[in-house]
Each structure stands twice: as C-alpha cells, then as structure tokens.
C-alpha cells in the first residue's frame, strides 16, 4: 500500500523534477526570498515521508525521512530529523526555520526558508540558506490517532534549493 502511495506521489511530482534542469532560484512568496547576496549552488528533489506521532491530543511535529535526487534521477543526498541533509560527498547541513511558513497548497506541507549550519567538507559545505518549495503531500493526518505513540508516515515530495554567498 505504501509503495502505491509513493508511485502516485512520484507521478504527481515528476513534472517538477523534469523541469529542474538548472540551479536558478525558484519563484517564491516574499517571506521566503533569499537576498541577492546568495545564489543557488545545489538543488535536490526529495521523495519520502513526514513522520508524525500522536501525543494524545494532536499529531506532533513532523520528522522527515527522504531521499534527494538530481535532475538525472541520481541519488545525491538524504534528509532526516534535525532537520538534516547529508550529501553523498559527506557534507551535512542542519537547518532552522528562518521565516514564517507559507502555505501555497492547503493539501501539502508549507514551503519553508531555513538558515543553515554546514558540517564537514563537500557540496553542502558553503550552504547558508535552504528553501523547501513545490511541496506535494506530507500533511499530518486529519483524523486523531488511536493511541498515544501511534506513528503516521505520510508520503511527500519537495524541491530543496541550497544557497551560498554569491561571491564564493
């Protein structure tokens, strides 16, 4: 059942993946714009899940678990709690939400701008900001959980754009 959900999600999101052939900054709402002092240096298309846990009164904060692909469909990074992105080159970056979340599609998780702290050498090392855009799915279940600790793994897809200083 989960694999069919991924297949459906991938089919909805594939046009965005195919159009992501360059690293120009995406068009985003004003709250999520990055200063012209920064430019996109890395772009990955994520397919995965947002993991929610029922605390007895609501679904808690989401924890991501996703794989990032480049425009050729090759795996380039993984994305997990923190939120953290870890590239195949060995570099990592941890993000912190830096602007108000923007809901572009009421059926999908919000778009985000995150300030980044890189760790280690590699492709993500110069990252200062990350944008999560073009989201599909991933919202917490609308129905309450059946018991405290119940886990819901909700399929999602998104584009992640990684920005570095323009003069680097």
C-alpha atoms as a PDB file:
ATOM      1  CA  UNK A   1       0.000   0.000   0.000  1.00  0.00           C
ATOM      2  CA  UNK A   2       2.790   2.449   0.869  1.00  0.00           C
ATOM      3  CA  UNK A   3       4.598   1.700  -2.400  1.00  0.00           C
ATOM      4  CA  UNK A   4       1.447   2.578  -4.372  1.00  0.00           C
ATOM      5  CA  UNK A   5       1.226   5.867  -2.430  1.00  0.00           C
ATOM      6  CA  UNK A   6       4.852   6.625  -3.397  1.00  0.00           C
ATOM      7  CA  UNK A   7       4.126   5.777  -7.028  1.00  0.00           C
ATOM      8  CA  UNK A   8       1.126   8.121  -7.055  1.00  0.00           C
ATOM      9  CA  UNK A   9       3.115  10.861  -5.336  1.00  0.00           C
ATOM     10  CA  UNK A  10       6.032  10.444  -7.739  1.00  0.00           C
ATOM     11  CA  UNK A  11       3.723  10.671 -10.754  1.00  0.00           C
ATOM     12  CA  UNK A  12       2.302  13.970  -9.450  1.00  0.00           C
ATOM     13  CA  UNK A  13       5.724  15.361  -8.681  1.00  0.00           C
ATOM     14  CA  UNK A  14       7.644  14.140 -11.747  1.00  0.00           C
ATOM     15  CA  UNK A  15       6.942  17.261 -13.877  1.00  0.00           C
ATOM     16  CA  UNK A  16       8.692  19.442 -11.278  1.00  0.00           C
ATOM     17  CA  UNK A  17      11.648  17.023 -11.254  1.00  0.00           C
ATOM     18  CA  UNK A  18      11.933  17.115 -15.033  1.00  0.00           C
ATOM     19  CA  UNK A  19      11.762  20.916 -15.113  1.00  0.00           C
ATOM     20  CA  UNK A  20      14.512  21.301 -12.502  1.00  0.00           C
ATOM     21  CA  UNK A  21      17.344  21.373 -15.023  1.00  0.00           C
ATOM     22  CA  UNK A  22      19.196  24.373 -13.637  1.00  0.00           C
ATOM     23  CA  UNK A  23      20.005  25.899 -10.297  1.00  0.00           C
ATOM     24  CA  UNK A  24      18.289  29.254 -10.630  1.00  0.00           C
ATOM     25  CA  UNK A  25      16.387  30.312  -7.538  1.00  0.00           C
ATOM     26  CA  UNK A  26      12.705  29.383  -7.667  1.00  0.00           C
ATOM     27  CA  UNK A  27       9.921  31.935  -7.590  1.00  0.00           C
ATOM     28  CA  UNK A  28       8.698  32.098  -4.009  1.00  0.00           C
ATOM     29  CA  UNK A  29       6.500  34.319  -1.829  1.00  0.00           C
ATOM     30  CA  UNK A  30       8.277  37.399  -0.472  1.00  0.00           C
ATOM     31  CA  UNK A  31       8.664  35.907   3.033  1.00  0.00           C
ATOM     32  CA  UNK A  32      10.794  33.078   1.616  1.00  0.00           C
ATOM     33  CA  UNK A  33      13.064  35.050  -0.691  1.00  0.00           C
ATOM     34  CA  UNK A  34      16.814  34.895  -0.174  1.00  0.00           C
ATOM     35  CA  UNK A  35      18.896  38.056  -0.560  1.00  0.00           C
ATOM     36  CA  UNK A  36      20.634  38.597  -3.907  1.00  0.00           C
ATOM     37  CA  UNK A  37      23.876  38.258  -1.922  1.00  0.00           C
ATOM     38  CA  UNK A  38      23.263  34.479  -2.162  1.00  0.00           C
ATOM     39  CA  UNK A  39      22.852  32.105  -5.100  1.00  0.00           C
ATOM     40  CA  UNK A  40      21.683  28.546  -5.541  1.00  0.00           C
ATOM     41  CA  UNK A  41      24.590  26.116  -5.587  1.00  0.00           C
ATOM     42  CA  UNK A  42      22.760  22.810  -5.087  1.00  0.00           C
ATOM     43  CA  UNK A  43      19.268  21.557  -5.838  1.00  0.00           C
ATOM     44  CA  UNK A  44      17.705  18.255  -4.889  1.00  0.00           C
ATOM     45  CA  UNK A  45      14.259  16.823  -5.419  1.00  0.00           C
ATOM     46  CA  UNK A  46      13.051  14.906  -2.353  1.00  0.00           C
ATOM     47  CA  UNK A  47      10.702  11.957  -2.191  1.00  0.00           C
ATOM     48  CA  UNK A  48       9.972  10.470   1.202  1.00  0.00           C
ATOM     49  CA  UNK A  49       7.718  10.685   4.223  1.00  0.00           C
ATOM     50  CA  UNK A  50       6.886  13.095   7.000  1.00  0.00           C
ATOM     51  CA  UNK A  51       6.652  11.072  10.220  1.00  0.00           C
ATOM     52  CA  UNK A  52       4.099  12.159  12.832  1.00  0.00           C
ATOM     53  CA  UNK A  53       3.499  10.707  16.311  1.00  0.00           C
ATOM     54  CA  UNK A  54       0.166  11.021  18.146  1.00  0.00           C
ATOM     55  CA  UNK A  55       0.681  12.547  21.625  1.00  0.00           C
ATOM     56  CA  UNK A  56      -2.871  12.028  22.889  1.00  0.00           C
ATOM     57  CA  UNK A  57      -4.224  15.389  21.753  1.00  0.00           C
ATOM     58  CA  UNK A  58      -2.540  16.088  18.384  1.00  0.00           C
ATOM     59  CA  UNK A  59      -0.054  14.801  15.862  1.00  0.00           C
ATOM     60  CA  UNK A  60       3.375  16.081  16.937  1.00  0.00           C
ATOM     61  CA  UNK A  61       5.905  17.886  14.777  1.00  0.00           C
ATOM     62  CA  UNK A  62       6.908  16.122  11.592  1.00  0.00           C
ATOM     63  CA  UNK A  63      10.236  14.347  11.239  1.00  0.00           C
ATOM     64  CA  UNK A  64      11.356  13.989   7.608  1.00  0.00           C
ATOM     65  CA  UNK A  65      12.786  10.861   6.024  1.00  0.00           C
ATOM     66  CA  UNK A  66      13.548  11.377   2.334  1.00  0.00           C
ATOM     67  CA  UNK A  67      15.973  10.799  -0.497  1.00  0.00           C
ATOM     68  CA  UNK A  68      17.089  13.724  -2.675  1.00  0.00           C
ATOM     69  CA  UNK A  69      17.607  13.211  -6.393  1.00  0.00           C
ATOM     70  CA  UNK A  70      19.299  15.368  -9.017  1.00  0.00           C
ATOM     71  CA  UNK A  71      17.785  16.204 -12.419  1.00  0.00           C
ATOM     72  CA  UNK A  72      19.049  12.893 -13.850  1.00  0.00           C
ATOM     73  CA  UNK A  73      17.268  10.944 -11.113  1.00  0.00           C
ATOM     74  CA  UNK A  74      20.508  10.019  -9.326  1.00  0.00           C
ATOM     75  CA  UNK A  75      20.517   9.928  -5.513  1.00  0.00           C
ATOM     76  CA  UNK A  76      22.514  12.910  -4.202  1.00  0.00           C
ATOM     77  CA  UNK A  77      21.561  13.186  -0.528  1.00  0.00           C
ATOM     78  CA  UNK A  78      19.351  12.007   2.303  1.00  0.00           C
ATOM     79  CA  UNK A  79      17.145  14.130   4.538  1.00  0.00           C
ATOM     80  CA  UNK A  80      16.222  13.256   8.114  1.00  0.00           C
ATOM     81  CA  UNK A  81      15.392  14.703  11.540  1.00  0.00           C
ATOM     82  CA  UNK A  82      17.151  17.797  12.732  1.00  0.00           C
ATOM     83  CA  UNK A  83      16.241  18.768  10.001  1.00  0.00           C
ATOM     84  CA  UNK A  84      19.461  17.499   8.432  1.00  0.00           C
ATOM     85  CA  UNK A  85      20.568  16.936   4.850  1.00  0.00           C
ATOM     86  CA  UNK A  86      23.568  14.689   4.201  1.00  0.00           C
ATOM     87  CA  UNK A  87      25.120  14.602   0.728  1.00  0.00           C
ATOM     88  CA  UNK A  88      26.857  11.711  -0.971  1.00  0.00           C
ATOM     89  CA  UNK A  89      30.019  13.845  -0.782  1.00  0.00           C
ATOM     90  CA  UNK A  90      29.949  13.535   3.021  1.00  0.00           C
ATOM     91  CA  UNK A  91      28.890  17.066   3.891  1.00  0.00           C
ATOM     92  CA  UNK A  92      25.909  17.753   6.135  1.00  0.00           C
ATOM     93  CA  UNK A  93      23.795  20.792   6.808  1.00  0.00           C
ATOM     94  CA  UNK A  94      21.331  21.356   9.643  1.00  0.00           C
ATOM     95  CA  UNK A  95      18.508  23.838   9.138  1.00  0.00           C
ATOM     96  CA  UNK A  96      16.442  26.067  11.409  1.00  0.00           C
ATOM     97  CA  UNK A  97      13.249  27.725  10.172  1.00  0.00           C
ATOM     98  CA  UNK A  98      14.199  31.350   9.444  1.00  0.00           C
ATOM     99  CA  UNK A  99      10.916  32.827   8.197  1.00  0.00           C
ATOM    100  CA  UNK A 100       7.191  32.266   8.574  1.00  0.00           C
ATOM    101  CA  UNK A 101       5.958  29.073   6.919  1.00  0.00           C
ATOM    102  CA  UNK A 102       3.959  29.740   3.758  1.00  0.00           C
ATOM    103  CA  UNK A 103       1.036  27.520   2.773  1.00  0.00           C
ATOM    104  CA  UNK A 104       0.861  27.511  -1.019  1.00  0.00           C
ATOM    105  CA  UNK A 105      -1.234  24.337  -1.338  1.00  0.00           C
ATOM    106  CA  UNK A 106      -3.675  23.568   1.505  1.00  0.00           C
ATOM    107  CA  UNK A 107      -3.218  19.844   0.788  1.00  0.00           C
ATOM    108  CA  UNK A 108       0.579  19.940   1.202  1.00  0.00           C
ATOM    109  CA  UNK A 109       3.120  20.830   3.868  1.00  0.00           C
ATOM    110  CA  UNK A 110       4.150  24.506   3.839  1.00  0.00           C
ATOM    111  CA  UNK A 111       7.045  26.000   1.933  1.00  0.00           C
ATOM    112  CA  UNK A 112       9.992  26.997   4.153  1.00  0.00           C
ATOM    113  CA  UNK A 113      13.107  29.119   4.340  1.00  0.00           C
ATOM    114  CA  UNK A 114      15.722  27.695   6.690  1.00  0.00           C
ATOM    115  CA  UNK A 115      19.008  29.146   7.940  1.00  0.00           C
ATOM    116  CA  UNK A 116      21.722  26.517   7.571  1.00  0.00           C
ATOM    117  CA  UNK A 117      24.710  25.375   9.585  1.00  0.00           C
ATOM    118  CA  UNK A 118      27.019  23.194   7.479  1.00  0.00           C
ATOM    119  CA  UNK A 119      29.225  20.402   8.831  1.00  0.00           C
ATOM    120  CA  UNK A 120      32.212  18.912   7.005  1.00  0.00           C
ATOM    121  CA  UNK A 121      33.625  19.375   3.515  1.00  0.00           C
ATOM    122  CA  UNK A 122      31.605  18.618   0.402  1.00  0.00           C
ATOM    123  CA  UNK A 123      28.892  20.009  -1.812  1.00  0.00           C
ATOM    124  CA  UNK A 124      26.748  21.298   1.078  1.00  0.00           C
ATOM    125  CA  UNK A 125      29.653  22.947   2.952  1.00  0.00           C
ATOM    126  CA  UNK A 126      29.004  26.537   1.734  1.00  0.00           C
ATOM    127  CA  UNK A 127      25.230  26.407   2.404  1.00  0.00           C
ATOM    128  CA  UNK A 128      23.740  29.378   4.282  1.00  0.00           C
ATOM    129  CA  UNK A 129      20.038  29.001   3.416  1.00  0.00           C
ATOM    130  CA  UNK A 130      17.691  26.254   2.234  1.00  0.00           C
ATOM    131  CA  UNK A 131      14.293  26.692   0.594  1.00  0.00           C
ATOM    132  CA  UNK A 132      11.696  23.897   0.634  1.00  0.00           C
ATOM    133  CA  UNK A 133       9.261  24.577  -2.211  1.00  0.00           C
ATOM    134  CA  UNK A 134       6.902  22.813  -4.635  1.00  0.00           C
ATOM    135  CA  UNK A 135       5.629  20.564  -1.865  1.00  0.00           C
ATOM    136  CA  UNK A 136       3.212  17.704  -2.517  1.00  0.00           C
ATOM    137  CA  UNK A 137       1.528  15.811   0.354  1.00  0.00           C
ATOM    138  CA  UNK A 138       3.143  15.331   3.757  1.00  0.00           C
ATOM    139  CA  UNK A 139       0.439  16.891   5.936  1.00  0.00           C
ATOM    140  CA  UNK A 140      -0.421  15.347   9.300  1.00  0.00           C
ATOM    141  CA  UNK A 141      -3.463  13.071   9.278  1.00  0.00           C
ATOM    142  CA  UNK A 142      -6.760  14.907   9.763  1.00  0.00           C
ATOM    143  CA  UNK A 143      -8.178  12.160  11.989  1.00  0.00           C
ATOM    144  CA  UNK A 144      -6.939  11.784  15.565  1.00  0.00           C
ATOM    145  CA  UNK A 145      -4.655   8.908  16.435  1.00  0.00           C
ATOM    146  CA  UNK A 146      -5.995   5.744  18.038  1.00  0.00           C
ATOM    147  CA  UNK A 147      -3.438   5.645  20.860  1.00  0.00           C
ATOM    148  CA  UNK A 148      -0.569   7.666  22.318  1.00  0.00           C
ATOM    149  CA  UNK A 149       2.590   6.896  20.385  1.00  0.00           C
ATOM    150  CA  UNK A 150       0.827   5.925  17.157  1.00  0.00           C
ATOM    151  CA  UNK A 151       3.036   6.768  14.167  1.00  0.00           C
ATOM    152  CA  UNK A 152       1.827   8.018  10.777  1.00  0.00           C
ATOM    153  CA  UNK A 153       4.249   8.025   7.821  1.00  0.00           C
ATOM    154  CA  UNK A 154       2.785  10.447   5.260  1.00  0.00           C
ATOM    155  CA  UNK A 155       4.307  10.470   1.739  1.00  0.00           C
ATOM    156  CA  UNK A 156       5.597  13.813   0.454  1.00  0.00           C
ATOM    157  CA  UNK A 157       7.763  15.364  -2.233  1.00  0.00           C
ATOM    158  CA  UNK A 158       9.517  18.732  -2.408  1.00  0.00           C
ATOM    159  CA  UNK A 159      12.273  20.677  -4.097  1.00  0.00           C
ATOM    160  CA  UNK A 160      15.138  21.779  -1.855  1.00  0.00           C
ATOM    161  CA  UNK A 161      17.317  24.670  -3.014  1.00  0.00           C
ATOM    162  CA  UNK A 162      20.609  25.248  -1.170  1.00  0.00           C
ATOM    163  CA  UNK A 163      22.061  28.786  -1.251  1.00  0.00           C
ATOM    164  CA  UNK A 164      25.623  30.027  -0.671  1.00  0.00           C
ATOM    165  CA  UNK A 165      27.143  33.507  -0.771  1.00  0.00           C
ATOM    166  CA  UNK A 166      27.222  34.793  -4.339  1.00  0.00           C
ATOM    167  CA  UNK A 167      30.883  35.762  -4.177  1.00  0.00           C
ATOM    168  CA  UNK A 168      32.032  32.201  -3.336  1.00  0.00           C
END
